[in-house]
Each structure stands twice: as structure tokens, then as C-alpha cells.
N, C-alpha and C. Protein backbone atom coordinates (compact mmCIF):
# COMPACT_ATOMS: atom_id res chain seq x y z
N MET A 1 0.51 -17.05 -23.30
CA MET A 1 -0.68 -17.37 -23.17
C MET A 1 -1.85 -16.95 -21.77
N GLN A 2 -2.58 -16.35 -22.29
CA GLN A 2 -3.49 -15.90 -20.72
C GLN A 2 -4.37 -16.89 -20.11
N LYS A 3 -4.27 -17.33 -18.86
CA LYS A 3 -5.56 -17.99 -18.40
C LYS A 3 -6.93 -17.33 -18.35
N ARG A 4 -8.08 -18.26 -18.44
CA ARG A 4 -9.21 -17.92 -18.30
C ARG A 4 -9.94 -16.62 -17.06
N ASP A 5 -9.04 -17.26 -15.84
CA ASP A 5 -9.85 -16.57 -14.80
C ASP A 5 -8.36 -15.21 -14.42
N VAL A 6 -7.82 -14.65 -14.90
CA VAL A 6 -7.02 -13.64 -15.30
C VAL A 6 -8.18 -12.32 -15.29
N VAL A 7 -7.81 -11.41 -14.25
CA VAL A 7 -8.85 -10.39 -14.00
C VAL A 7 -9.16 -9.54 -15.35
N SER A 8 -10.42 -9.15 -15.82
CA SER A 8 -10.68 -8.16 -17.20
C SER A 8 -9.44 -7.04 -17.07
N ASP A 9 -9.49 -6.64 -17.85
CA ASP A 9 -8.93 -5.20 -18.13
C ASP A 9 -9.40 -4.11 -18.06
N GLU A 10 -11.05 -4.41 -17.69
CA GLU A 10 -12.23 -3.30 -17.34
C GLU A 10 -11.86 -4.03 -15.93
N THR A 11 -12.24 -4.54 -15.30
CA THR A 11 -11.92 -4.57 -13.81
C THR A 11 -10.76 -3.87 -13.19
N ARG A 12 -9.84 -4.44 -13.89
CA ARG A 12 -8.76 -3.66 -13.33
C ARG A 12 -8.75 -2.10 -13.25
N GLU A 13 -9.36 -1.60 -14.56
CA GLU A 13 -9.57 -0.04 -14.67
C GLU A 13 -9.99 0.33 -13.75
N LYS A 14 -11.28 -0.33 -13.74
CA LYS A 14 -12.58 0.23 -12.53
C LYS A 14 -11.66 -0.12 -10.88
N LYS A 15 -10.86 -0.93 -10.61
CA LYS A 15 -10.09 -0.86 -9.12
C LYS A 15 -9.06 -0.08 -9.30
N ILE A 16 -8.55 0.59 -10.32
CA ILE A 16 -7.24 1.54 -10.21
C ILE A 16 -8.05 2.46 -10.25
N PHE A 17 -9.09 3.26 -10.95
CA PHE A 17 -9.99 4.41 -10.45
C PHE A 17 -10.35 4.49 -9.59
N LEU A 18 -11.21 3.27 -9.03
CA LEU A 18 -11.66 3.70 -7.24
C LEU A 18 -10.90 3.67 -6.40
N LEU A 19 -9.76 3.34 -6.36
CA LEU A 19 -8.43 3.12 -5.37
C LEU A 19 -7.38 5.02 -5.66
N GLU A 20 -7.35 5.58 -7.04
CA GLU A 20 -6.60 6.36 -7.08
C GLU A 20 -7.83 7.44 -6.54
N LYS A 21 -9.18 7.09 -6.71
CA LYS A 21 -10.13 7.95 -5.99
C LYS A 21 -10.17 7.78 -4.21
N ASP A 22 -9.71 7.21 -3.55
CA ASP A 22 -9.91 7.19 -2.42
C ASP A 22 -8.70 7.24 -1.77
N LEU A 23 -7.36 7.48 -2.40
CA LEU A 23 -5.97 7.90 -2.03
C LEU A 23 -5.99 9.09 -2.38
N ASN A 24 -6.81 10.03 -3.45
CA ASN A 24 -6.67 11.09 -3.96
C ASN A 24 -5.49 11.64 -4.45
N TYR A 25 -5.06 10.30 -5.44
CA TYR A 25 -3.80 10.25 -5.84
C TYR A 25 -4.04 9.87 -7.24
N HIS A 26 -3.38 10.46 -8.57
CA HIS A 26 -3.64 9.88 -9.51
C HIS A 26 -2.14 9.43 -10.29
N PHE A 27 -2.22 8.03 -10.53
CA PHE A 27 -1.22 7.19 -10.76
C PHE A 27 -0.65 8.12 -12.56
N THR A 28 0.38 8.36 -12.84
CA THR A 28 1.49 8.58 -13.98
C THR A 28 1.69 6.90 -14.64
N LYS A 29 2.13 6.61 -13.99
CA LYS A 29 2.54 5.20 -13.99
C LYS A 29 1.79 3.94 -13.51
N ARG A 30 0.72 3.73 -14.18
CA ARG A 30 -1.04 3.01 -14.00
C ARG A 30 -0.06 1.40 -13.10
N ASP A 31 1.03 1.06 -13.94
CA ASP A 31 1.24 -0.59 -13.93
C ASP A 31 1.93 -0.77 -12.57
N LEU A 32 2.74 0.53 -11.90
CA LEU A 32 3.01 0.27 -10.51
C LEU A 32 1.93 -0.14 -9.36
N LEU A 33 0.86 0.94 -9.87
CA LEU A 33 -0.49 0.26 -8.72
C LEU A 33 -0.79 -0.68 -9.28
N ILE A 34 -1.29 -1.48 -10.15
CA ILE A 34 -1.45 -2.52 -10.82
C ILE A 34 -0.13 -3.23 -10.09
N ARG A 35 0.64 -3.45 -9.79
CA ARG A 35 1.70 -4.04 -9.39
C ARG A 35 1.47 -4.26 -7.54
N ALA A 36 1.69 -3.15 -6.99
CA ALA A 36 1.30 -2.83 -6.04
C ALA A 36 -0.42 -3.76 -5.36
N LEU A 37 -1.06 -3.37 -6.26
CA LEU A 37 -2.12 -4.56 -5.90
C LEU A 37 -2.15 -6.38 -5.79
N THR A 38 -1.33 -6.37 -6.82
CA THR A 38 -1.00 -7.74 -7.42
C THR A 38 -0.18 -8.95 -5.96
N ARG A 39 -1.29 -9.36 -5.70
CA ARG A 39 -0.61 -10.43 -4.49
C ARG A 39 0.16 -11.36 -5.42
N TYR A 40 1.38 -12.19 -4.60
CA TYR A 40 2.49 -13.03 -5.07
C TYR A 40 1.34 -14.57 -5.30
N ALA A 41 0.45 -14.73 -4.89
CA ALA A 41 -0.04 -16.21 -4.95
C ALA A 41 -0.59 -15.66 -6.70
N TYR A 42 -1.23 -14.45 -6.56
CA TYR A 42 -2.11 -14.31 -7.62
C TYR A 42 -1.20 -14.34 -9.31
N ALA A 43 0.13 -13.41 -9.01
CA ALA A 43 1.18 -13.54 -10.03
C ALA A 43 1.25 -14.71 -9.73
N ALA A 44 1.62 -15.64 -9.09
CA ALA A 44 2.05 -17.20 -9.41
C ALA A 44 1.36 -17.92 -10.06
N GLU A 45 -0.04 -17.70 -9.59
CA GLU A 45 -1.22 -19.06 -10.60
C GLU A 45 -1.30 -18.46 -11.70
N HIS A 46 -1.11 -17.28 -12.28
CA HIS A 46 -1.29 -17.00 -13.63
C HIS A 46 -0.04 -16.34 -14.21
N GLU A 47 0.96 -17.37 -13.82
CA GLU A 47 2.30 -16.93 -14.59
C GLU A 47 3.13 -15.78 -15.07
N MET A 48 2.71 -14.98 -13.82
CA MET A 48 3.19 -13.72 -14.34
C MET A 48 4.88 -13.71 -13.68
N PRO A 49 5.67 -12.55 -14.52
CA PRO A 49 6.98 -12.48 -13.85
C PRO A 49 7.34 -11.64 -12.69
N SER A 50 8.34 -12.66 -11.88
CA SER A 50 8.55 -11.84 -10.17
C SER A 50 8.41 -10.55 -10.33
N SER A 51 8.17 -10.02 -11.32
CA SER A 51 8.37 -8.29 -11.13
C SER A 51 6.83 -7.67 -11.09
N ALA A 52 5.97 -8.80 -10.79
CA ALA A 52 4.79 -7.97 -11.65
C ALA A 52 3.82 -8.84 -9.99
N HIS A 53 4.25 -9.14 -8.75
CA HIS A 53 3.89 -9.09 -7.54
C HIS A 53 4.40 -7.31 -6.51
N MET A 54 3.45 -7.50 -5.67
CA MET A 54 3.84 -6.46 -4.50
C MET A 54 4.98 -6.71 -3.74
N ASP A 55 5.54 -7.69 -3.64
CA ASP A 55 6.28 -7.48 -2.66
C ASP A 55 7.51 -6.99 -2.18
N ALA A 56 8.27 -6.50 -3.19
CA ALA A 56 9.36 -5.52 -3.42
C ALA A 56 8.66 -4.49 -2.91
N LEU A 57 7.54 -3.82 -3.37
CA LEU A 57 6.85 -2.58 -3.16
C LEU A 57 6.43 -2.17 -2.19
N ALA A 58 6.29 -3.69 -1.44
CA ALA A 58 5.86 -3.24 0.31
C ALA A 58 7.00 -2.81 0.80
N THR A 59 7.78 -3.62 0.64
CA THR A 59 9.69 -3.61 1.65
C THR A 59 9.66 -2.23 1.61
N LEU A 60 9.70 -1.42 0.11
CA LEU A 60 9.72 0.26 -0.19
C LEU A 60 9.03 1.04 0.70
N GLY A 61 8.06 0.56 0.78
CA GLY A 61 6.41 1.39 1.40
C GLY A 61 6.88 1.68 2.46
N ASP A 62 7.14 0.22 3.09
CA ASP A 62 7.10 0.29 4.79
C ASP A 62 8.79 1.19 5.03
N ALA A 63 9.46 1.34 4.46
CA ALA A 63 10.94 2.35 4.65
C ALA A 63 10.55 4.09 4.39
N VAL A 64 9.27 4.28 3.08
CA VAL A 64 8.70 5.36 2.93
C VAL A 64 8.02 5.85 4.19
N ILE A 65 7.40 5.11 4.43
CA ILE A 65 6.15 5.45 5.69
C ILE A 65 7.17 6.15 6.77
N ASP A 66 8.08 5.22 7.17
CA ASP A 66 9.16 5.14 8.25
C ASP A 66 9.69 6.52 7.85
N LEU A 67 10.00 6.98 6.78
CA LEU A 67 10.64 8.14 7.13
C LEU A 67 9.68 9.41 6.93
N VAL A 68 8.69 9.43 6.51
CA VAL A 68 7.46 10.67 6.05
C VAL A 68 7.43 10.83 7.43
N VAL A 69 6.81 9.56 8.47
CA VAL A 69 6.46 9.51 9.47
C VAL A 69 7.39 10.28 10.02
N LEU A 70 8.76 9.80 10.45
CA LEU A 70 10.22 10.47 11.06
C LEU A 70 10.04 12.24 10.89
N ALA A 71 9.93 12.31 9.39
CA ALA A 71 10.41 13.64 9.14
C ALA A 71 9.27 14.66 9.86
N CYS A 72 7.78 13.88 9.70
CA CYS A 72 6.94 14.72 10.33
C CYS A 72 6.97 15.02 11.55
N LEU A 73 7.50 13.75 12.26
CA LEU A 73 7.89 13.96 13.94
C LEU A 73 8.88 15.11 13.83
N LEU A 74 9.97 15.13 13.36
CA LEU A 74 10.92 16.39 13.30
C LEU A 74 10.48 17.49 12.68
N HIS A 75 9.58 17.54 11.92
CA HIS A 75 9.11 18.88 11.63
C HIS A 75 8.22 19.39 12.77
N SER A 76 7.63 18.75 13.69
CA SER A 76 6.58 19.47 14.46
C SER A 76 7.39 19.19 15.78
N GLY A 77 8.63 19.47 15.87
CA GLY A 77 9.53 19.80 16.87
C GLY A 77 10.13 19.03 17.94
N GLU A 78 9.79 17.38 17.69
CA GLU A 78 10.46 16.32 18.51
C GLU A 78 12.08 16.19 18.06
N ASN A 79 12.38 16.12 19.04
CA ASN A 79 14.17 15.84 18.59
C ASN A 79 14.70 14.81 19.25
N GLU A 80 14.08 14.26 20.64
CA GLU A 80 14.67 13.50 21.12
C GLU A 80 14.77 11.81 20.56
N LYS A 81 15.78 11.27 20.79
CA LYS A 81 16.06 9.77 19.50
C LYS A 81 15.13 8.78 19.94
N GLY A 82 15.10 8.85 21.94
CA GLY A 82 14.32 7.97 22.09
C GLY A 82 12.76 8.41 21.98
N VAL A 83 11.86 9.11 22.18
CA VAL A 83 10.78 9.95 21.93
C VAL A 83 10.56 10.05 20.41
N LEU A 84 11.06 10.35 19.42
CA LEU A 84 11.22 10.20 17.94
C LEU A 84 10.80 8.44 17.70
N SER A 85 11.64 7.69 18.30
CA SER A 85 11.37 6.23 18.13
C SER A 85 10.35 5.53 18.59
N THR A 86 10.06 5.96 19.81
CA THR A 86 8.58 5.61 20.62
C THR A 86 7.00 5.97 19.87
N LYS A 87 7.36 7.26 19.69
CA LYS A 87 6.06 8.05 19.01
C LYS A 87 6.16 7.48 17.32
N LYS A 88 7.15 7.15 16.84
CA LYS A 88 7.49 6.45 15.40
C LYS A 88 6.90 5.20 15.24
N ILE A 89 6.87 4.06 16.55
CA ILE A 89 6.38 2.80 16.56
C ILE A 89 4.99 2.86 16.89
N ASP A 90 4.39 3.77 17.83
CA ASP A 90 3.40 4.11 18.24
C ASP A 90 2.33 4.33 16.89
N MET A 91 2.67 5.45 16.18
CA MET A 91 2.01 5.65 14.43
C MET A 91 1.99 4.87 13.53
N VAL A 92 2.99 3.47 13.64
CA VAL A 92 3.56 2.93 12.13
C VAL A 92 3.72 1.38 13.05
N ASN A 93 2.46 0.86 13.43
CA ASN A 93 2.48 -0.40 13.71
C ASN A 93 1.45 -1.26 12.86
N MET A 94 1.82 -2.22 12.81
CA MET A 94 1.15 -3.14 12.18
C MET A 94 -0.61 -2.94 11.94
N SER A 95 -1.12 -2.72 13.32
CA SER A 95 -2.52 -2.37 13.79
C SER A 95 -2.88 -1.44 13.11
N ALA A 96 -2.17 -0.11 12.73
CA ALA A 96 -2.24 1.16 12.62
C ALA A 96 -2.55 0.81 11.06
N LEU A 97 -1.66 -0.01 10.56
CA LEU A 97 -1.51 0.03 8.95
C LEU A 97 -2.86 -0.31 8.56
N ARG A 98 -2.83 -1.52 9.14
CA ARG A 98 -4.18 -2.47 8.78
C ARG A 98 -5.48 -2.25 9.06
N ASP A 99 -5.52 -0.83 10.12
CA ASP A 99 -6.45 -0.21 9.95
C ASP A 99 -7.25 0.57 9.01
N ILE A 100 -5.99 1.24 8.70
CA ILE A 100 -6.11 2.11 7.26
C ILE A 100 -6.58 1.13 6.37
N GLY A 101 -6.01 0.25 6.06
CA GLY A 101 -6.00 -0.23 4.54
C GLY A 101 -7.01 -1.29 4.78
N ALA A 102 -7.89 -1.29 5.68
CA ALA A 102 -9.63 -1.77 6.34
C ALA A 102 -10.56 -0.55 5.90
N ALA A 103 -10.12 0.51 6.44
CA ALA A 103 -10.87 1.74 6.17
C ALA A 103 -10.98 1.99 4.46
N LEU A 104 -10.22 2.01 4.04
CA LEU A 104 -9.73 1.85 2.53
C LEU A 104 -10.46 0.98 1.63
N ARG A 105 -10.61 -0.55 2.57
CA ARG A 105 -11.33 -1.52 1.84
C ARG A 105 -10.24 -1.88 0.81
N LEU A 106 -8.68 -1.88 1.27
CA LEU A 106 -8.27 -2.07 0.37
C LEU A 106 -8.28 -3.55 -0.25
N GLU A 107 -8.62 -4.24 0.65
CA GLU A 107 -9.22 -5.89 0.02
C GLU A 107 -9.96 -6.08 -1.00
N GLU A 108 -10.84 -5.09 -1.00
CA GLU A 108 -11.79 -5.35 -2.78
C GLU A 108 -10.73 -4.75 -3.81
N TYR A 109 -9.51 -4.19 -3.31
CA TYR A 109 -8.80 -3.97 -4.95
C TYR A 109 -7.62 -4.89 -5.61
N VAL A 110 -7.19 -5.58 -4.31
CA VAL A 110 -6.27 -6.39 -4.21
C VAL A 110 -6.44 -7.31 -4.89
N PHE A 111 -5.63 -8.22 -5.95
CA PHE A 111 -5.99 -9.48 -6.97
C PHE A 111 -4.91 -10.41 -6.14
N TRP A 112 -6.38 -11.22 -5.22
CA TRP A 112 -5.72 -12.03 -4.51
C TRP A 112 -5.47 -13.55 -5.15
N GLY A 113 -4.48 -14.44 -4.55
CA GLY A 113 -4.78 -16.13 -5.31
C GLY A 113 -5.91 -16.65 -4.45
N ARG A 114 -6.21 -17.33 -5.66
CA ARG A 114 -7.29 -18.32 -5.02
C ARG A 114 -7.44 -19.11 -3.84
N GLY A 115 -5.83 -19.28 -3.50
CA GLY A 115 -6.40 -19.65 -1.58
C GLY A 115 -6.44 -18.61 -0.62
N GLU A 116 -5.75 -17.50 -1.66
CA GLU A 116 -5.80 -16.34 -0.01
C GLU A 116 -7.54 -16.10 -0.04
N VAL A 117 -8.47 -16.27 -1.43
CA VAL A 117 -9.66 -15.62 -1.13
C VAL A 117 -10.70 -16.77 -0.50
N ILE A 118 -10.06 -18.21 -0.69
CA ILE A 118 -10.96 -18.85 0.14
C ILE A 118 -10.25 -19.06 1.73
N GLN A 119 -9.36 -18.20 1.74
CA GLN A 119 -9.04 -18.34 3.47
C GLN A 119 -9.40 -17.05 4.31
N HIS A 120 -9.59 -16.39 2.95
CA HIS A 120 -9.83 -14.54 3.51
C HIS A 120 -8.49 -14.20 4.32
N VAL A 121 -7.62 -14.14 3.42
CA VAL A 121 -6.23 -13.67 4.60
C VAL A 121 -6.36 -12.17 5.11
N TRP A 122 -6.93 -11.40 4.38
CA TRP A 122 -6.95 -10.03 4.89
C TRP A 122 -7.55 -9.75 5.89
N THR A 123 -8.26 -10.72 6.69
CA THR A 123 -8.88 -10.47 7.99
C THR A 123 -7.84 -10.90 9.02
N SER A 124 -6.86 -11.33 8.83
CA SER A 124 -6.03 -11.61 10.09
C SER A 124 -4.07 -11.02 9.63
N GLY A 125 -3.97 -10.66 10.71
CA GLY A 125 -2.21 -10.18 10.98
C GLY A 125 -2.29 -8.92 9.89
N ARG A 126 -1.25 -9.18 8.90
CA ARG A 126 -0.10 -8.15 8.82
C ARG A 126 -0.68 -8.13 6.93
N VAL A 127 -1.59 -8.50 6.71
CA VAL A 127 -1.38 -8.92 5.24
C VAL A 127 -2.18 -7.55 4.65
N LEU A 128 -3.48 -6.90 5.24
CA LEU A 128 -3.99 -5.39 4.39
C LEU A 128 -2.38 -4.30 5.15
N ALA A 129 -1.89 -4.36 6.11
CA ALA A 129 -0.70 -3.70 6.40
C ALA A 129 0.52 -3.82 5.22
N GLU A 130 0.63 -5.24 4.65
CA GLU A 130 1.51 -5.17 3.72
C GLU A 130 1.15 -4.44 2.41
N CYS A 131 -0.43 -4.80 2.31
CA CYS A 131 -0.82 -4.26 1.01
C CYS A 131 -0.65 -2.90 0.92
N LEU A 132 -0.98 -2.03 2.25
CA LEU A 132 -0.92 -0.79 2.40
C LEU A 132 0.46 -0.31 2.15
N GLU A 133 1.42 -0.85 2.43
CA GLU A 133 2.83 -0.24 2.76
C GLU A 133 3.02 -0.61 0.97
N ALA A 134 2.74 -1.72 0.12
CA ALA A 134 2.93 -1.38 -1.56
C ALA A 134 2.44 -0.89 -1.94
N VAL A 135 1.52 0.00 -2.16
CA VAL A 135 1.01 1.43 -2.39
C VAL A 135 1.46 2.33 -2.13
N ILE A 136 1.49 2.76 -1.14
CA ILE A 136 2.73 3.47 -0.89
C ILE A 136 4.27 3.49 -1.20
N GLY A 137 4.49 2.30 -1.52
CA GLY A 137 6.20 2.24 -2.25
C GLY A 137 5.65 2.67 -3.59
N ALA A 138 4.72 2.45 -4.54
CA ALA A 138 4.06 2.47 -5.63
C ALA A 138 3.92 4.20 -5.95
N VAL A 139 3.51 4.65 -4.92
CA VAL A 139 3.37 6.23 -4.99
C VAL A 139 4.50 6.96 -4.68
N TYR A 140 5.17 6.58 -4.00
CA TYR A 140 6.84 7.11 -3.93
C TYR A 140 7.48 6.75 -5.40
N LEU A 141 7.22 5.26 -5.93
CA LEU A 141 8.18 5.49 -7.44
C LEU A 141 7.13 6.37 -8.61
N ASP A 142 6.09 6.29 -8.42
CA ASP A 142 5.07 7.34 -9.22
C ASP A 142 5.40 8.36 -8.87
N GLY A 143 5.42 9.14 -8.19
CA GLY A 143 5.53 10.97 -7.60
C GLY A 143 6.69 11.17 -6.91
N ASP A 144 6.61 11.36 -5.41
CA ASP A 144 8.02 11.73 -4.68
C ASP A 144 7.70 11.32 -3.59
N LEU A 145 8.40 11.91 -2.51
CA LEU A 145 8.21 12.00 -1.08
C LEU A 145 6.98 12.55 -0.58
N ASN A 146 6.96 13.79 -1.40
CA ASN A 146 5.84 14.95 -0.81
C ASN A 146 4.44 14.39 -1.33
N ALA A 147 4.12 13.38 -2.74
CA ALA A 147 3.26 12.54 -2.71
C ALA A 147 2.77 11.89 -1.52
N CYS A 148 3.78 10.88 -1.39
CA CYS A 148 3.84 9.99 0.16
C CYS A 148 3.19 10.92 1.02
N SER A 149 3.59 11.86 1.29
CA SER A 149 2.78 12.25 2.63
C SER A 149 2.10 13.03 2.48
N ASP A 150 1.32 13.43 1.28
CA ASP A 150 -0.06 13.87 1.05
C ASP A 150 -1.00 12.68 1.05
N VAL A 151 -0.99 11.92 0.63
CA VAL A 151 -1.37 10.60 0.57
C VAL A 151 -1.53 9.70 2.00
N LEU A 152 -0.53 9.50 3.08
CA LEU A 152 -0.55 9.35 4.13
C LEU A 152 -1.40 10.63 4.97
N ALA A 153 -1.13 11.64 4.77
CA ALA A 153 -1.96 12.47 5.50
C ALA A 153 -3.33 12.38 5.07
N GLY A 154 -4.09 12.18 4.18
CA GLY A 154 -5.17 12.28 3.92
C GLY A 154 -5.53 10.87 4.07
N LEU A 155 -5.11 10.06 4.66
CA LEU A 155 -4.78 8.84 4.94
C LEU A 155 -5.29 8.92 6.58
N GLY A 156 -5.00 9.86 7.29
CA GLY A 156 -4.75 10.03 8.78
C GLY A 156 -3.96 9.18 9.27
N LEU A 157 -2.96 8.93 8.95
CA LEU A 157 -1.71 8.17 9.76
C LEU A 157 -0.85 9.53 9.72
N ILE A 158 -0.57 10.66 9.17
CA ILE A 158 0.21 11.93 9.91
C ILE A 158 -0.52 13.53 9.56
N PRO A 159 -0.46 14.51 10.12
CA PRO A 159 -1.25 15.37 10.33
C PRO A 159 -1.11 16.07 8.39
N GLY A 160 -2.50 16.65 8.41
CA GLY A 160 -2.03 17.39 6.99
C GLY A 160 -0.95 18.50 7.30
N GLN A 161 -0.49 18.79 6.15
CA GLN A 161 0.44 20.11 5.75
C GLN A 161 -0.14 21.02 5.78
């Protein structure tokens, strides 16, 4: 049974279309993007299965972002372990990812729980960074590592190829 305050299919499709445009990436498996945009609180409030929210995709996206950034640094000629680690940390930190999420207006696309909306959780800490990681995790599963590199380059996290 669907609850009355579940986001309509029309609203969901509009969000997907607009975010795909902003990412310059078209999902073949749109359910991955919907999952990447669905917060745990929203899923719990709407009695959705545990596979319907973003948490696992955020974990995957975090690893994918690290891998893409490290590969980019290696391709640019960086070979010292300590320098690689420092540069990766500088490029991929909570503030950098949160700023990209804010520039994307990611908070407008995410399906938030009611309490999250009341508290405006996207304005503090790691929340938008985690949402961006989930989207990148979805891009990886939908496409591949090259697709992730293209999206991250388009978002300005890494230099374009």
C-alpha cells in the first residue's frame, strides 16, 4: 500500500531528468539514480525495502571517487606515496564534495525524510557529500569507471580527460 506523501512518479521523473542534465550523464538503469537520491529516513517513513536507500551506494561512491582521483594523479605523473595521499585528501574531502553537491543543488533532487526537511540537514556536515557519493556509486554501477571519471571531471573534481 502506498502512503499519500510518497513523491509522485511525475516529480521523480522530473528530478531524474534535471539531475542527469546537470551531471551530463544519462542513466540506463534509472532505479539506481532513484536509489542514490533516496535517504534512509525517507525510505523508512515510506516502508520501502532496505535496498531502496542510498547508504550502500554512498559507500561504493566514496571508494570510486578515491580510485578515480588516485588514477588521475598517477596519470598526471605523481608517483610518491606520501604526495599521492596528501593530494588525494586535499582533493577529496568532505568540504570539497559538499561544495560540489551544493553547486549541483543536490538538496533539490534528494528524497528527504520529514525530519530531515524540518532540520535542513543538507546545510550541515557531511550530508551533501554523502549524497554526491551515492550518485557517483550509482553512475559506477550504471556505467563504468570511465563514466565516473567523465562525471567527476564535469563537476570539476578532476581535470578533464
